[in-house]
Amino acid sequence: MIHCLISMPIDSVQWRATFVYGANDQELRKELWDDLRGIHVSVNTPWLILGDFNCCLDPSEKLGGNQVDWEAMEDFRACVQDCRLQDMRFCGNLFTWCNRQLDGNRIYKLRMRPQDPELHQKEKILYGKYMKALNDSISILKQKAKEKWIQEGDQNTAFFHNAIRSRQYRNHILSITKDDGSHEAL
């Protein structure tokens, strides 16, 4: 969070600006809400807060991804109310991100027709194709690793000894966790 006083040299008007980036974790966002409440108490000029809060005031501000977190939304609403803030409306696209899609088609199409089952079905099919391609590339990498093992694994080489050491380390038990939660080193 960055908080500053802005003075306009022409008419001597002063106002405060706070730039925020809300954490993805709800508990860390609660700290941000408390910080904003603390600033509110000392602000006696117009105050603008802007940035990415990583939370929404209304479920309509969210599209896709995880379900709406109602508790987090209520915390955010309480902060806005406690600080006597107003949500400034805007013009343009509600969603400005595009999930690394070159033209952002999914976001804009789904925004225009969020309940369109055809678009959701198309997205599901494309996601399935993506996952298949990803699994195929992982399979190829595994096959290349096996090929190297076939070529060098059974010989008395550094590759062979490193593979054995790695396997022994992975299979070594360092401690046991008892039913009461305590650990016993071996």
C-alpha atoms as a PDB file:
ATOM      1  CA  MET A   1       0.000   0.000   0.000  1.00  0.00           C
ATOM      2  CA  ILE A   2       1.226   3.482  -0.860  1.00  0.00           C
ATOM      3  CA  HIS A   3      -0.449   6.451   0.831  1.00  0.00           C
ATOM      4  CA  CYS A   4       0.361  10.021  -0.125  1.00  0.00           C
ATOM      5  CA  LEU A   5      -0.783  13.636   0.069  1.00  0.00           C
ATOM      6  CA  ILE A   6      -1.214  15.333  -3.289  1.00  0.00           C
ATOM      7  CA  SER A   7      -1.086  19.118  -3.571  1.00  0.00           C
ATOM      8  CA  MET A   8      -2.223  20.946  -6.671  1.00  0.00           C
ATOM      9  CA  PRO A   9       0.099  23.953  -7.135  1.00  0.00           C
ATOM     10  CA  ILE A  10      -2.398  25.977  -9.172  1.00  0.00           C
ATOM     11  CA  ASP A  11      -5.241  26.188  -6.650  1.00  0.00           C
ATOM     12  CA  SER A  12      -3.582  24.775  -3.485  1.00  0.00           C
ATOM     13  CA  VAL A  13      -6.135  21.952  -3.283  1.00  0.00           C
ATOM     14  CA  GLN A  14      -4.900  18.962  -1.308  1.00  0.00           C
ATOM     15  CA  TRP A  15      -6.178  15.402  -1.341  1.00  0.00           C
ATOM     16  CA  ARG A  16      -5.010  11.968  -0.304  1.00  0.00           C
ATOM     17  CA  ALA A  17      -4.407   8.983  -2.544  1.00  0.00           C
ATOM     18  CA  THR A  18      -3.893   5.407  -1.441  1.00  0.00           C
ATOM     19  CA  PHE A  19      -2.757   2.771  -3.918  1.00  0.00           C
ATOM     20  CA  VAL A  20      -3.437  -0.796  -2.837  1.00  0.00           C
ATOM     21  CA  TYR A  21      -2.782  -4.325  -3.955  1.00  0.00           C
ATOM     22  CA  GLY A  22      -4.815  -6.711  -1.828  1.00  0.00           C
ATOM     23  CA  ALA A  23      -3.229 -10.042  -0.966  1.00  0.00           C
ATOM     24  CA  ASN A  24      -4.769 -13.259  -2.275  1.00  0.00           C
ATOM     25  CA  ASP A  25      -5.007 -14.525   1.306  1.00  0.00           C
ATOM     26  CA  GLN A  26      -8.131 -13.397   3.176  1.00  0.00           C
ATOM     27  CA  GLU A  27      -6.321 -12.976   6.517  1.00  0.00           C
ATOM     28  CA  LEU A  28      -3.701 -10.688   4.934  1.00  0.00           C
ATOM     29  CA  ARG A  29      -6.483  -8.670   3.288  1.00  0.00           C
ATOM     30  CA  LYS A  30      -8.028  -8.153   6.733  1.00  0.00           C
ATOM     31  CA  GLU A  31      -4.783  -6.411   7.700  1.00  0.00           C
ATOM     32  CA  LEU A  32      -5.228  -4.118   4.678  1.00  0.00           C
ATOM     33  CA  TRP A  33      -8.807  -3.338   5.745  1.00  0.00           C
ATOM     34  CA  ASP A  34      -7.541  -2.461   9.262  1.00  0.00           C
ATOM     35  CA  ASP A  35      -4.791  -0.245   7.772  1.00  0.00           C
ATOM     36  CA  LEU A  36      -7.377   1.602   5.673  1.00  0.00           C
ATOM     37  CA  ARG A  37      -9.565   2.114   8.743  1.00  0.00           C
ATOM     38  CA  GLY A  38      -6.531   3.565  10.554  1.00  0.00           C
ATOM     39  CA  ILE A  39      -5.843   5.989   7.717  1.00  0.00           C
ATOM     40  CA  HIS A  40      -9.529   6.986   7.567  1.00  0.00           C
ATOM     41  CA  VAL A  41      -9.386   8.238  11.165  1.00  0.00           C
ATOM     42  CA  SER A  42      -6.618  10.732  10.310  1.00  0.00           C
ATOM     43  CA  VAL A  43      -7.778  11.880   6.859  1.00  0.00           C
ATOM     44  CA  ASN A  44      -9.365  15.329   6.746  1.00  0.00           C
ATOM     45  CA  THR A  45      -9.118  15.941   2.993  1.00  0.00           C
ATOM     46  CA  PRO A  46     -10.722  14.209  -0.002  1.00  0.00           C
ATOM     47  CA  TRP A  47      -9.386  10.649  -0.259  1.00  0.00           C
ATOM     48  CA  LEU A  48      -9.088   8.364  -3.276  1.00  0.00           C
ATOM     49  CA  ILE A  49      -8.251   4.673  -2.902  1.00  0.00           C
ATOM     50  CA  LEU A  50      -7.484   2.706  -6.018  1.00  0.00           C
ATOM     51  CA  GLY A  51      -5.828  -0.498  -7.069  1.00  0.00           C
ATOM     52  CA  ASP A  52      -6.534  -4.216  -7.013  1.00  0.00           C
ATOM     53  CA  PHE A  53      -8.273  -5.243  -3.803  1.00  0.00           C
ATOM     54  CA  ASN A  54      -8.412  -8.922  -4.847  1.00  0.00           C
ATOM     55  CA  CYS A  55     -11.939  -8.938  -3.487  1.00  0.00           C
ATOM     56  CA  CYS A  56     -15.294  -7.791  -4.770  1.00  0.00           C
ATOM     57  CA  LEU A  57     -18.196  -5.894  -3.273  1.00  0.00           C
ATOM     58  CA  ASP A  58     -20.800  -7.772  -5.307  1.00  0.00           C
ATOM     59  CA  PRO A  59     -20.897 -11.247  -6.890  1.00  0.00           C
ATOM     60  CA  SER A  60     -21.586  -9.682 -10.310  1.00  0.00           C
ATOM     61  CA  GLU A  61     -17.993  -8.375 -10.271  1.00  0.00           C
ATOM     62  CA  LYS A  62     -16.658 -11.942 -10.501  1.00  0.00           C
ATOM     63  CA  LEU A  63     -16.548 -14.268 -13.502  1.00  0.00           C
ATOM     64  CA  GLY A  64     -15.251 -17.854 -13.417  1.00  0.00           C
ATOM     65  CA  GLY A  65     -12.564 -19.218 -11.124  1.00  0.00           C
ATOM     66  CA  ASN A  66     -13.281 -20.042  -7.501  1.00  0.00           C
ATOM     67  CA  GLN A  67     -16.692 -19.506  -5.950  1.00  0.00           C
ATOM     68  CA  VAL A  68     -17.507 -16.104  -4.463  1.00  0.00           C
ATOM     69  CA  ASP A  69     -16.098 -15.909  -0.926  1.00  0.00           C
ATOM     70  CA  TRP A  70     -19.045 -14.366   0.914  1.00  0.00           C
ATOM     71  CA  GLU A  71     -17.150 -13.838   4.172  1.00  0.00           C
ATOM     72  CA  ALA A  72     -14.313 -12.006   2.401  1.00  0.00           C
ATOM     73  CA  MET A  73     -16.848  -9.926   0.493  1.00  0.00           C
ATOM     74  CA  GLU A  74     -18.608  -8.964   3.740  1.00  0.00           C
ATOM     75  CA  ASP A  75     -15.248  -7.967   5.305  1.00  0.00           C
ATOM     76  CA  PHE A  76     -14.545  -5.731   2.304  1.00  0.00           C
ATOM     77  CA  ARG A  77     -18.039  -4.198   2.438  1.00  0.00           C
ATOM     78  CA  ALA A  78     -17.599  -3.480   6.156  1.00  0.00           C
ATOM     79  CA  CYS A  79     -14.300  -1.717   5.473  1.00  0.00           C
ATOM     80  CA  VAL A  80     -15.870   0.405   2.732  1.00  0.00           C
ATOM     81  CA  GLN A  81     -18.724   1.316   5.057  1.00  0.00           C
ATOM     82  CA  ASP A  82     -16.474   2.013   8.080  1.00  0.00           C
ATOM     83  CA  CYS A  83     -14.257   4.319   6.005  1.00  0.00           C
ATOM     84  CA  ARG A  84     -17.319   5.986   4.443  1.00  0.00           C
ATOM     85  CA  LEU A  85     -16.090   5.219   0.949  1.00  0.00           C
ATOM     86  CA  GLN A  86     -18.097   5.182  -2.263  1.00  0.00           C
ATOM     87  CA  ASP A  87     -17.522   2.771  -5.118  1.00  0.00           C
ATOM     88  CA  MET A  88     -16.881   4.922  -8.182  1.00  0.00           C
ATOM     89  CA  ARG A  89     -18.514   3.491 -11.284  1.00  0.00           C
ATOM     90  CA  PHE A  90     -16.556   3.280 -14.496  1.00  0.00           C
ATOM     91  CA  CYS A  91     -16.989   2.907 -18.230  1.00  0.00           C
ATOM     92  CA  GLY A  92     -15.567   0.074 -20.303  1.00  0.00           C
ATOM     93  CA  ASN A  93     -14.988  -3.606 -19.762  1.00  0.00           C
ATOM     94  CA  LEU A  94     -15.556  -4.874 -16.259  1.00  0.00           C
ATOM     95  CA  PHE A  95     -12.846  -7.514 -16.690  1.00  0.00           C
ATOM     96  CA  THR A  96      -9.535  -6.217 -18.022  1.00  0.00           C
ATOM     97  CA  TRP A  97      -7.513  -9.415 -17.697  1.00  0.00           C
ATOM     98  CA  CYS A  98      -7.357 -12.048 -20.413  1.00  0.00           C
ATOM     99  CA  ASN A  99      -5.720 -15.209 -18.968  1.00  0.00           C
ATOM    100  CA  ARG A 100      -2.823 -14.908 -21.441  1.00  0.00           C
ATOM    101  CA  GLN A 101      -5.211 -15.147 -24.372  1.00  0.00           C
ATOM    102  CA  LEU A 102      -3.950 -12.921 -27.138  1.00  0.00           C
ATOM    103  CA  ASP A 103      -7.245 -11.230 -27.838  1.00  0.00           C
ATOM    104  CA  GLY A 104      -9.011 -11.899 -24.553  1.00  0.00           C
ATOM    105  CA  ASN A 105     -11.928 -13.436 -26.471  1.00  0.00           C
ATOM    106  CA  ARG A 106     -13.106 -15.676 -23.643  1.00  0.00           C
ATOM    107  CA  ILE A 107     -13.472 -12.853 -21.166  1.00  0.00           C
ATOM    108  CA  TYR A 108     -15.251 -10.506 -23.535  1.00  0.00           C
ATOM    109  CA  LYS A 109     -17.561 -13.169 -24.982  1.00  0.00           C
ATOM    110  CA  LEU A 110     -18.451 -14.596 -21.585  1.00  0.00           C
ATOM    111  CA  ARG A 111     -19.021 -11.089 -20.235  1.00  0.00           C
ATOM    112  CA  MET A 112     -21.483 -10.359 -23.006  1.00  0.00           C
ATOM    113  CA  ARG A 113     -23.224 -13.746 -22.583  1.00  0.00           C
ATOM    114  CA  PRO A 114     -22.203 -15.180 -19.178  1.00  0.00           C
ATOM    115  CA  GLN A 115     -24.958 -17.827 -19.173  1.00  0.00           C
ATOM    116  CA  ASP A 116     -24.309 -19.030 -22.749  1.00  0.00           C
ATOM    117  CA  PRO A 117     -23.968 -22.837 -22.463  1.00  0.00           C
ATOM    118  CA  GLU A 118     -22.392 -23.043 -25.937  1.00  0.00           C
ATOM    119  CA  LEU A 119     -19.457 -20.860 -24.857  1.00  0.00           C
ATOM    120  CA  HIS A 120     -18.975 -22.825 -21.645  1.00  0.00           C
ATOM    121  CA  GLN A 121     -19.058 -26.110 -23.602  1.00  0.00           C
ATOM    122  CA  LYS A 122     -16.509 -24.758 -26.089  1.00  0.00           C
ATOM    123  CA  GLU A 123     -14.269 -23.679 -23.215  1.00  0.00           C
ATOM    124  CA  LYS A 124     -14.560 -27.144 -21.634  1.00  0.00           C
ATOM    125  CA  ILE A 125     -13.565 -28.839 -24.913  1.00  0.00           C
ATOM    126  CA  LEU A 126     -10.577 -26.524 -25.413  1.00  0.00           C
ATOM    127  CA  TYR A 127      -9.462 -27.056 -21.824  1.00  0.00           C
ATOM    128  CA  GLY A 128      -9.641 -30.827 -22.393  1.00  0.00           C
ATOM    129  CA  LYS A 129      -7.461 -30.480 -25.507  1.00  0.00           C
ATOM    130  CA  TYR A 130      -4.975 -28.370 -23.548  1.00  0.00           C
ATOM    131  CA  MET A 131      -4.770 -30.961 -20.744  1.00  0.00           C
ATOM    132  CA  LYS A 132      -4.239 -33.769 -23.279  1.00  0.00           C
ATOM    133  CA  ALA A 133      -1.399 -31.846 -24.952  1.00  0.00           C
ATOM    134  CA  LEU A 134       0.149 -31.149 -21.538  1.00  0.00           C
ATOM    135  CA  ASN A 135      -0.062 -34.821 -20.528  1.00  0.00           C
ATOM    136  CA  ASP A 136       1.420 -35.866 -23.882  1.00  0.00           C
ATOM    137  CA  SER A 137       4.415 -33.570 -23.383  1.00  0.00           C
ATOM    138  CA  ILE A 138       4.942 -34.952 -19.867  1.00  0.00           C
ATOM    139  CA  SER A 139       4.768 -38.489 -21.266  1.00  0.00           C
ATOM    140  CA  ILE A 140       7.422 -37.629 -23.866  1.00  0.00           C
ATOM    141  CA  LEU A 141       9.704 -36.263 -21.141  1.00  0.00           C
ATOM    142  CA  LYS A 142       9.258 -39.455 -19.103  1.00  0.00           C
ATOM    143  CA  GLN A 143      10.053 -41.579 -22.145  1.00  0.00           C
ATOM    144  CA  LYS A 144      13.228 -39.562 -22.788  1.00  0.00           C
ATOM    145  CA  ALA A 145      14.267 -40.118 -19.171  1.00  0.00           C
ATOM    146  CA  LYS A 146      13.726 -43.881 -19.533  1.00  0.00           C
ATOM    147  CA  GLU A 147      15.732 -43.864 -22.759  1.00  0.00           C
ATOM    148  CA  LYS A 148      18.663 -42.256 -20.954  1.00  0.00           C
ATOM    149  CA  TRP A 149      18.369 -44.867 -18.189  1.00  0.00           C
ATOM    150  CA  ILE A 150      18.405 -47.671 -20.760  1.00  0.00           C
ATOM    151  CA  GLN A 151      21.497 -46.192 -22.410  1.00  0.00           C
ATOM    152  CA  GLU A 152      23.485 -45.279 -19.275  1.00  0.00           C
ATOM    153  CA  GLY A 153      21.670 -46.689 -16.255  1.00  0.00           C
ATOM    154  CA  ASP A 154      23.079 -50.188 -16.004  1.00  0.00           C
ATOM    155  CA  GLN A 155      26.649 -49.124 -16.625  1.00  0.00           C
ATOM    156  CA  ASN A 156      28.996 -48.173 -13.811  1.00  0.00           C
ATOM    157  CA  THR A 157      28.753 -44.445 -14.635  1.00  0.00           C
ATOM    158  CA  ALA A 158      28.294 -41.218 -12.668  1.00  0.00           C
ATOM    159  CA  PHE A 159      24.711 -41.141 -13.968  1.00  0.00           C
ATOM    160  CA  PHE A 160      24.082 -44.594 -12.460  1.00  0.00           C
ATOM    161  CA  HIS A 161      25.556 -43.653  -9.060  1.00  0.00           C
ATOM    162  CA  ASN A 162      23.675 -40.328  -8.934  1.00  0.00           C
ATOM    163  CA  ALA A 163      20.407 -42.137  -9.699  1.00  0.00           C
ATOM    164  CA  ILE A 164      21.074 -44.660  -6.907  1.00  0.00           C
ATOM    165  CA  ARG A 165      21.935 -41.884  -4.400  1.00  0.00           C
ATOM    166  CA  SER A 166      18.818 -39.944  -5.365  1.00  0.00           C
ATOM    167  CA  ARG A 167      16.610 -42.996  -4.914  1.00  0.00           C
ATOM    168  CA  GLN A 168      18.200 -43.806  -1.534  1.00  0.00           C
ATOM    169  CA  TYR A 169      17.618 -40.219  -0.364  1.00  0.00           C
ATOM    170  CA  ARG A 170      13.952 -40.315  -1.466  1.00  0.00           C
ATOM    171  CA  ASN A 171      13.422 -43.655   0.281  1.00  0.00           C
ATOM    172  CA  HIS A 172      15.171 -42.646   3.541  1.00  0.00           C
ATOM    173  CA  ILE A 173      12.829 -42.062   6.498  1.00  0.00           C
ATOM    174  CA  LEU A 174      14.060 -39.167   8.629  1.00  0.00           C
ATOM    175  CA  SER A 175      11.433 -39.270  11.371  1.00  0.00           C
ATOM    176  CA  ILE A 176       8.117 -40.780  12.368  1.00  0.00           C
ATOM    177  CA  THR A 177       5.107 -38.755  13.456  1.00  0.00           C
ATOM    178  CA  LYS A 178       3.312 -40.314  16.401  1.00  0.00           C
ATOM    179  CA  ASP A 179      -0.446 -40.192  17.037  1.00  0.00           C
ATOM    180  CA  ASP A 180       0.037 -37.330  19.521  1.00  0.00           C
ATOM    181  CA  GLY A 181       1.713 -35.213  16.795  1.00  0.00           C
ATOM    182  CA  SER A 182       5.260 -35.478  18.144  1.00  0.00           C
ATOM    183  CA  HIS A 183       8.153 -36.482  15.896  1.00  0.00           C
ATOM    184  CA  GLU A 184      10.727 -39.146  16.633  1.00  0.00           C
ATOM    185  CA  ALA A 185      13.990 -38.952  14.670  1.00  0.00           C
ATOM    186  CA  LEU A 186      15.393 -42.229  13.379  1.00  0.00           C
END
